[in-house]
Amino acid sequence: MQKAHRQLGHASFEAITRLFPPDTFTAADVAHLKAVTDTCIPCQQHAHLPRRPHHALPNPPHAFNHILTMDVCQILPALSKGLDSTDLHTDFGQGRFFLSMRGEIIFSTL
């Protein structure tokens, strides 16, 4: 199934099943083909993005009740500085290395 998916130009599950007569694939083949097309990395990389997000903010005014903390650290003077930001409500954290800690660079990246 994976080879057929690749040789048909990374065709979608629907396109492959339409290409062949209905009695060509067993139920196990159909499930395997669906798994192959859903997990194909090139297909995921070149897939079209949705036109609008599935989840959106409610109409204004927006109320945010999260506290964000930011910390700058540098292990050695020869290494670049790191900015760590953490949401204390969800405990989600993310770090990024910067060559310069100038304000306009930090805020343009955020």
C-alpha atoms as a PDB file:
ATOM      1  CA  MET A   1       0.000   0.000   0.000  1.00  0.00           C
ATOM      2  CA  GLN A   2       2.818   2.375   0.856  1.00  0.00           C
ATOM      3  CA  LYS A   3       4.530   1.693  -2.468  1.00  0.00           C
ATOM      4  CA  ALA A   4       1.276   2.240  -4.385  1.00  0.00           C
ATOM      5  CA  HIS A   5       0.711   5.512  -2.522  1.00  0.00           C
ATOM      6  CA  ARG A   6       4.190   6.752  -3.470  1.00  0.00           C
ATOM      7  CA  GLN A   7       4.059   5.526  -7.085  1.00  0.00           C
ATOM      8  CA  LEU A   8       0.722   7.240  -7.653  1.00  0.00           C
ATOM      9  CA  GLY A   9       2.299  10.590  -6.754  1.00  0.00           C
ATOM     10  CA  HIS A  10       1.285  10.549  -3.069  1.00  0.00           C
ATOM     11  CA  ALA A  11      -2.361  10.263  -4.004  1.00  0.00           C
ATOM     12  CA  SER A  12      -4.945  10.716  -1.265  1.00  0.00           C
ATOM     13  CA  PHE A  13      -6.947   7.874   0.235  1.00  0.00           C
ATOM     14  CA  GLU A  14     -10.067   8.950  -1.652  1.00  0.00           C
ATOM     15  CA  ALA A  15      -8.227   9.193  -4.991  1.00  0.00           C
ATOM     16  CA  ILE A  16      -6.724   5.710  -4.662  1.00  0.00           C
ATOM     17  CA  THR A  17     -10.015   4.093  -3.689  1.00  0.00           C
ATOM     18  CA  ARG A  18     -11.817   5.823  -6.593  1.00  0.00           C
ATOM     19  CA  LEU A  19      -9.125   4.688  -9.033  1.00  0.00           C
ATOM     20  CA  PHE A  20      -9.833   0.979  -8.492  1.00  0.00           C
ATOM     21  CA  PRO A  21     -13.097  -1.001  -8.596  1.00  0.00           C
ATOM     22  CA  PRO A  22     -14.926  -1.195  -5.241  1.00  0.00           C
ATOM     23  CA  ASP A  23     -14.175  -4.889  -4.652  1.00  0.00           C
ATOM     24  CA  THR A  24     -10.397  -4.517  -5.127  1.00  0.00           C
ATOM     25  CA  PHE A  25      -9.474  -3.855  -1.481  1.00  0.00           C
ATOM     26  CA  THR A  26     -10.430  -5.772   1.636  1.00  0.00           C
ATOM     27  CA  ALA A  27     -11.438  -3.980   4.826  1.00  0.00           C
ATOM     28  CA  ALA A  28      -7.928  -4.548   6.213  1.00  0.00           C
ATOM     29  CA  ASP A  29      -6.400  -3.075   3.037  1.00  0.00           C
ATOM     30  CA  VAL A  30      -8.619  -0.010   3.297  1.00  0.00           C
ATOM     31  CA  ALA A  31      -7.654   0.525   6.957  1.00  0.00           C
ATOM     32  CA  HIS A  32      -3.954   0.081   6.130  1.00  0.00           C
ATOM     33  CA  LEU A  33      -4.199   2.467   3.165  1.00  0.00           C
ATOM     34  CA  LYS A  34      -5.913   5.071   5.348  1.00  0.00           C
ATOM     35  CA  ALA A  35      -3.102   4.742   7.921  1.00  0.00           C
ATOM     36  CA  VAL A  36      -0.441   5.047   5.207  1.00  0.00           C
ATOM     37  CA  THR A  37      -1.950   8.206   3.699  1.00  0.00           C
ATOM     38  CA  ASP A  38      -2.545   9.792   7.126  1.00  0.00           C
ATOM     39  CA  THR A  39       1.050   9.249   8.307  1.00  0.00           C
ATOM     40  CA  CYS A  40       2.897  10.064   5.064  1.00  0.00           C
ATOM     41  CA  ILE A  41       5.441  12.771   5.941  1.00  0.00           C
ATOM     42  CA  PRO A  42       5.701  14.364   2.441  1.00  0.00           C
ATOM     43  CA  CYS A  43       1.887  14.546   2.262  1.00  0.00           C
ATOM     44  CA  GLN A  44       1.743  16.235   5.673  1.00  0.00           C
ATOM     45  CA  GLN A  45       4.472  18.715   4.722  1.00  0.00           C
ATOM     46  CA  HIS A  46       2.734  19.770   1.500  1.00  0.00           C
ATOM     47  CA  ALA A  47      -0.861  19.632   2.723  1.00  0.00           C
ATOM     48  CA  HIS A  48      -3.017  22.719   2.364  1.00  0.00           C
ATOM     49  CA  LEU A  49      -3.585  24.680   5.541  1.00  0.00           C
ATOM     50  CA  PRO A  50      -7.182  25.262   6.614  1.00  0.00           C
ATOM     51  CA  ARG A  51      -8.621  28.612   5.533  1.00  0.00           C
ATOM     52  CA  ARG A  52      -9.577  29.537   9.072  1.00  0.00           C
ATOM     53  CA  PRO A  53      -8.655  28.078  12.436  1.00  0.00           C
ATOM     54  CA  HIS A  54     -10.837  25.436  14.023  1.00  0.00           C
ATOM     55  CA  HIS A  55     -10.704  27.213  17.384  1.00  0.00           C
ATOM     56  CA  ALA A  56     -10.912  30.977  17.604  1.00  0.00           C
ATOM     57  CA  LEU A  57     -11.176  33.558  20.340  1.00  0.00           C
ATOM     58  CA  PRO A  58     -14.681  34.665  21.310  1.00  0.00           C
ATOM     59  CA  ASN A  59     -15.869  38.110  20.301  1.00  0.00           C
ATOM     60  CA  PRO A  60     -14.223  41.031  22.158  1.00  0.00           C
ATOM     61  CA  PRO A  61     -13.652  41.976  24.907  1.00  0.00           C
ATOM     62  CA  HIS A  62     -11.129  39.236  25.591  1.00  0.00           C
ATOM     63  CA  ALA A  63     -10.242  38.388  29.161  1.00  0.00           C
ATOM     64  CA  PHE A  64      -6.887  36.750  29.786  1.00  0.00           C
ATOM     65  CA  ASN A  65      -5.995  35.432  33.198  1.00  0.00           C
ATOM     66  CA  HIS A  66      -2.562  33.946  32.564  1.00  0.00           C
ATOM     67  CA  ILE A  67       0.724  35.059  34.060  1.00  0.00           C
ATOM     68  CA  LEU A  68       3.738  34.852  31.758  1.00  0.00           C
ATOM     69  CA  THR A  69       7.240  34.803  33.186  1.00  0.00           C
ATOM     70  CA  MET A  70      10.375  35.468  31.168  1.00  0.00           C
ATOM     71  CA  ASP A  71      13.940  34.785  32.147  1.00  0.00           C
ATOM     72  CA  VAL A  72      17.210  35.445  30.319  1.00  0.00           C
ATOM     73  CA  CYS A  73      20.150  33.176  30.961  1.00  0.00           C
ATOM     74  CA  GLN A  74      23.620  32.656  29.564  1.00  0.00           C
ATOM     75  CA  ILE A  75      25.767  29.655  30.510  1.00  0.00           C
ATOM     76  CA  LEU A  76      29.098  30.881  29.122  1.00  0.00           C
ATOM     77  CA  PRO A  77      30.090  34.286  27.735  1.00  0.00           C
ATOM     78  CA  ALA A  78      30.981  32.680  24.391  1.00  0.00           C
ATOM     79  CA  LEU A  79      27.487  31.200  23.989  1.00  0.00           C
ATOM     80  CA  SER A  80      24.374  33.045  22.929  1.00  0.00           C
ATOM     81  CA  LYS A  81      21.814  34.147  25.507  1.00  0.00           C
ATOM     82  CA  GLY A  82      18.624  32.186  26.013  1.00  0.00           C
ATOM     83  CA  LEU A  83      15.149  33.542  26.683  1.00  0.00           C
ATOM     84  CA  ASP A  84      12.807  31.232  28.566  1.00  0.00           C
ATOM     85  CA  SER A  85       9.107  32.070  28.735  1.00  0.00           C
ATOM     86  CA  THR A  86       6.623  30.102  30.848  1.00  0.00           C
ATOM     87  CA  ASP A  87       2.851  30.330  31.252  1.00  0.00           C
ATOM     88  CA  LEU A  88       2.252  29.779  34.971  1.00  0.00           C
ATOM     89  CA  HIS A  89      -1.397  28.778  34.411  1.00  0.00           C
ATOM     90  CA  THR A  90      -0.734  25.863  32.035  1.00  0.00           C
ATOM     91  CA  ASP A  91       2.961  25.302  32.899  1.00  0.00           C
ATOM     92  CA  PHE A  92       3.794  25.544  29.184  1.00  0.00           C
ATOM     93  CA  GLY A  93       7.339  26.718  28.606  1.00  0.00           C
ATOM     94  CA  GLN A  94       9.396  27.546  25.569  1.00  0.00           C
ATOM     95  CA  GLY A  95      12.974  28.679  25.137  1.00  0.00           C
ATOM     96  CA  ARG A  96      14.845  30.429  22.359  1.00  0.00           C
ATOM     97  CA  PHE A  97      18.458  31.449  21.816  1.00  0.00           C
ATOM     98  CA  PHE A  98      19.281  34.995  20.692  1.00  0.00           C
ATOM     99  CA  LEU A  99      22.513  36.576  19.579  1.00  0.00           C
ATOM    100  CA  SER A 100      21.416  39.925  20.988  1.00  0.00           C
ATOM    101  CA  MET A 101      18.982  40.812  23.780  1.00  0.00           C
ATOM    102  CA  ARG A 102      17.858  44.093  22.217  1.00  0.00           C
ATOM    103  CA  GLY A 103      14.211  44.857  22.856  1.00  0.00           C
ATOM    104  CA  GLU A 104      13.132  45.167  19.222  1.00  0.00           C
ATOM    105  CA  ILE A 105      14.619  41.742  18.391  1.00  0.00           C
ATOM    106  CA  ILE A 106      12.900  40.070  21.353  1.00  0.00           C
ATOM    107  CA  PHE A 107       9.464  41.631  20.702  1.00  0.00           C
ATOM    108  CA  SER A 108       9.601  40.996  16.944  1.00  0.00           C
ATOM    109  CA  THR A 109      10.302  37.310  17.660  1.00  0.00           C
ATOM    110  CA  LEU A 110       7.528  36.993  20.234  1.00  0.00           C
END
